[in-house]
Amino acid sequence: MSIEITVLFDVLPHRMTDTVAAFAELCSATRREEGALRFDACRSEEHENVVVLVEEWADQEAIDLHMKEGYVTDFLGKVDGAYARPPYVLRLRPLDA
């Protein structure tokens, strides 16, 4: 069974433009990874400063490999200090699992 993760980022208003650009780069690179089944960053329509990352991975090994990629480190540097609070991570599982 794949692993689904949703992460909510409360971005500081003055950092939104550069943060969205960093997410676009991250998504583009990550989608080329073999174990990345879905990797989409979206803007919330209800909350203008919220970015939601929707991920689906083949397995934990794919996530672990992803976190070691240089472009992930680069992304983290670009968004350092861009959030009003720590990201809210939701690792999901079906109710019937």
C-alpha atoms as a PDB file:
ATOM      1  CA  MET A   1       0.000   0.000   0.000  1.00  0.00           C
ATOM      2  CA  SER A   2       1.289   3.457  -0.857  1.00  0.00           C
ATOM      3  CA  ILE A   3       1.908   6.187   1.725  1.00  0.00           C
ATOM      4  CA  GLU A   4      -0.128   9.386   1.540  1.00  0.00           C
ATOM      5  CA  ILE A   5       0.984  12.575   3.262  1.00  0.00           C
ATOM      6  CA  THR A   6      -0.586  16.026   3.339  1.00  0.00           C
ATOM      7  CA  VAL A   7       1.319  18.987   4.753  1.00  0.00           C
ATOM      8  CA  LEU A   8      -0.113  22.450   5.491  1.00  0.00           C
ATOM      9  CA  PHE A   9       2.256  25.421   5.380  1.00  0.00           C
ATOM     10  CA  ASP A  10       1.180  28.785   6.833  1.00  0.00           C
ATOM     11  CA  VAL A  11       3.379  31.094   4.760  1.00  0.00           C
ATOM     12  CA  LEU A  12       4.246  34.615   5.861  1.00  0.00           C
ATOM     13  CA  PRO A  13       2.566  37.019   3.390  1.00  0.00           C
ATOM     14  CA  HIS A  14       5.803  38.754   2.381  1.00  0.00           C
ATOM     15  CA  ARG A  15       7.425  35.369   1.625  1.00  0.00           C
ATOM     16  CA  MET A  16       4.600  33.899  -0.489  1.00  0.00           C
ATOM     17  CA  THR A  17       6.045  34.683  -3.943  1.00  0.00           C
ATOM     18  CA  ASP A  18       9.463  33.155  -3.318  1.00  0.00           C
ATOM     19  CA  THR A  19       7.961  30.219  -1.397  1.00  0.00           C
ATOM     20  CA  VAL A  20       5.581  29.360  -4.243  1.00  0.00           C
ATOM     21  CA  ALA A  21       8.522  29.486  -6.670  1.00  0.00           C
ATOM     22  CA  ALA A  22      10.535  27.159  -4.409  1.00  0.00           C
ATOM     23  CA  PHE A  23       7.625  24.719  -4.219  1.00  0.00           C
ATOM     24  CA  ALA A  24       7.287  24.742  -8.017  1.00  0.00           C
ATOM     25  CA  GLU A  25      10.964  23.783  -8.383  1.00  0.00           C
ATOM     26  CA  LEU A  26      10.663  21.094  -5.703  1.00  0.00           C
ATOM     27  CA  CYS A  27       7.557  19.579  -7.292  1.00  0.00           C
ATOM     28  CA  SER A  28       9.110  19.499 -10.742  1.00  0.00           C
ATOM     29  CA  ALA A  29      12.213  17.683  -9.502  1.00  0.00           C
ATOM     30  CA  THR A  30      10.366  15.331  -7.149  1.00  0.00           C
ATOM     31  CA  ARG A  31       7.887  14.143  -9.774  1.00  0.00           C
ATOM     32  CA  ARG A  32      10.829  12.588 -11.640  1.00  0.00           C
ATOM     33  CA  GLU A  33      11.627  10.325  -8.687  1.00  0.00           C
ATOM     34  CA  GLU A  34      10.702   6.689  -9.242  1.00  0.00           C
ATOM     35  CA  GLY A  35       8.874   6.304  -5.920  1.00  0.00           C
ATOM     36  CA  ALA A  36       6.942   9.585  -6.107  1.00  0.00           C
ATOM     37  CA  LEU A  37       3.412   8.673  -7.177  1.00  0.00           C
ATOM     38  CA  ARG A  38       2.030  12.168  -6.520  1.00  0.00           C
ATOM     39  CA  PHE A  39       3.661  15.397  -5.410  1.00  0.00           C
ATOM     40  CA  ASP A  40       1.498  18.501  -5.788  1.00  0.00           C
ATOM     41  CA  ALA A  41       1.677  21.877  -4.064  1.00  0.00           C
ATOM     42  CA  CYS A  42      -1.604  23.817  -4.010  1.00  0.00           C
ATOM     43  CA  ARG A  43      -2.794  27.191  -2.732  1.00  0.00           C
ATOM     44  CA  SER A  44      -5.772  27.167  -0.410  1.00  0.00           C
ATOM     45  CA  GLU A  45      -8.768  29.035  -1.798  1.00  0.00           C
ATOM     46  CA  GLU A  46     -10.084  29.743   1.703  1.00  0.00           C
ATOM     47  CA  HIS A  47      -6.815  30.792   3.341  1.00  0.00           C
ATOM     48  CA  GLU A  48      -4.672  32.991   1.110  1.00  0.00           C
ATOM     49  CA  ASN A  49      -1.387  32.309   2.916  1.00  0.00           C
ATOM     50  CA  VAL A  50      -1.690  28.526   3.101  1.00  0.00           C
ATOM     51  CA  VAL A  51       0.132  26.141   0.775  1.00  0.00           C
ATOM     52  CA  VAL A  52      -0.884  22.487   0.903  1.00  0.00           C
ATOM     53  CA  LEU A  53       1.485  19.756  -0.228  1.00  0.00           C
ATOM     54  CA  VAL A  54      -0.196  16.501  -1.292  1.00  0.00           C
ATOM     55  CA  GLU A  55       2.159  13.541  -1.556  1.00  0.00           C
ATOM     56  CA  GLU A  56       1.826   9.866  -2.391  1.00  0.00           C
ATOM     57  CA  TRP A  57       4.835   7.582  -2.175  1.00  0.00           C
ATOM     58  CA  ALA A  58       5.408   3.972  -3.182  1.00  0.00           C
ATOM     59  CA  ASP A  59       6.921   3.148   0.222  1.00  0.00           C
ATOM     60  CA  GLN A  60       8.978   4.498   3.123  1.00  0.00           C
ATOM     61  CA  GLU A  61      12.211   3.822   1.242  1.00  0.00           C
ATOM     62  CA  ALA A  62      11.086   6.243  -1.498  1.00  0.00           C
ATOM     63  CA  ILE A  63      10.432   8.932   1.131  1.00  0.00           C
ATOM     64  CA  ASP A  64      13.817   8.333   2.749  1.00  0.00           C
ATOM     65  CA  LEU A  65      15.597   8.605  -0.618  1.00  0.00           C
ATOM     66  CA  HIS A  66      13.649  11.783  -1.433  1.00  0.00           C
ATOM     67  CA  MET A  67      14.741  13.464   1.790  1.00  0.00           C
ATOM     68  CA  LYS A  68      18.409  12.875   0.831  1.00  0.00           C
ATOM     69  CA  GLU A  69      18.107  14.628  -2.551  1.00  0.00           C
ATOM     70  CA  GLY A  70      20.124  17.815  -2.993  1.00  0.00           C
ATOM     71  CA  TYR A  71      17.117  19.722  -4.301  1.00  0.00           C
ATOM     72  CA  VAL A  72      15.273  18.993  -1.052  1.00  0.00           C
ATOM     73  CA  THR A  73      18.124  20.570   0.906  1.00  0.00           C
ATOM     74  CA  ASP A  74      18.090  23.488  -1.540  1.00  0.00           C
ATOM     75  CA  PHE A  75      14.312  23.895  -1.079  1.00  0.00           C
ATOM     76  CA  LEU A  76      14.629  23.880   2.711  1.00  0.00           C
ATOM     77  CA  GLY A  77      17.219  26.639   2.507  1.00  0.00           C
ATOM     78  CA  LYS A  78      15.011  28.756   0.255  1.00  0.00           C
ATOM     79  CA  VAL A  79      11.984  28.521   2.566  1.00  0.00           C
ATOM     80  CA  ASP A  80      13.864  28.857   5.844  1.00  0.00           C
ATOM     81  CA  GLY A  81      11.969  31.406   7.948  1.00  0.00           C
ATOM     82  CA  ALA A  82       9.041  31.568   5.503  1.00  0.00           C
ATOM     83  CA  TYR A  83       6.429  30.021   7.768  1.00  0.00           C
ATOM     84  CA  ALA A  84       4.348  31.607  10.523  1.00  0.00           C
ATOM     85  CA  ARG A  85       4.359  28.277  12.409  1.00  0.00           C
ATOM     86  CA  PRO A  86       5.808  24.805  11.889  1.00  0.00           C
ATOM     87  CA  PRO A  87       4.230  22.840   9.012  1.00  0.00           C
ATOM     88  CA  TYR A  88       1.281  20.633   9.980  1.00  0.00           C
ATOM     89  CA  VAL A  89       2.025  17.115   8.722  1.00  0.00           C
ATOM     90  CA  LEU A  90      -0.739  14.555   8.226  1.00  0.00           C
ATOM     91  CA  ARG A  91       0.333  11.021   7.349  1.00  0.00           C
ATOM     92  CA  LEU A  92      -2.916   9.452   6.145  1.00  0.00           C
ATOM     93  CA  ARG A  93      -4.400   5.973   6.180  1.00  0.00           C
ATOM     94  CA  PRO A  94      -7.819   4.751   5.048  1.00  0.00           C
ATOM     95  CA  LEU A  95     -10.450   4.426   7.765  1.00  0.00           C
ATOM     96  CA  ASP A  96     -10.883   0.747   6.978  1.00  0.00           C
ATOM     97  CA  ALA A  97      -7.166  -0.055   7.288  1.00  0.00           C
END
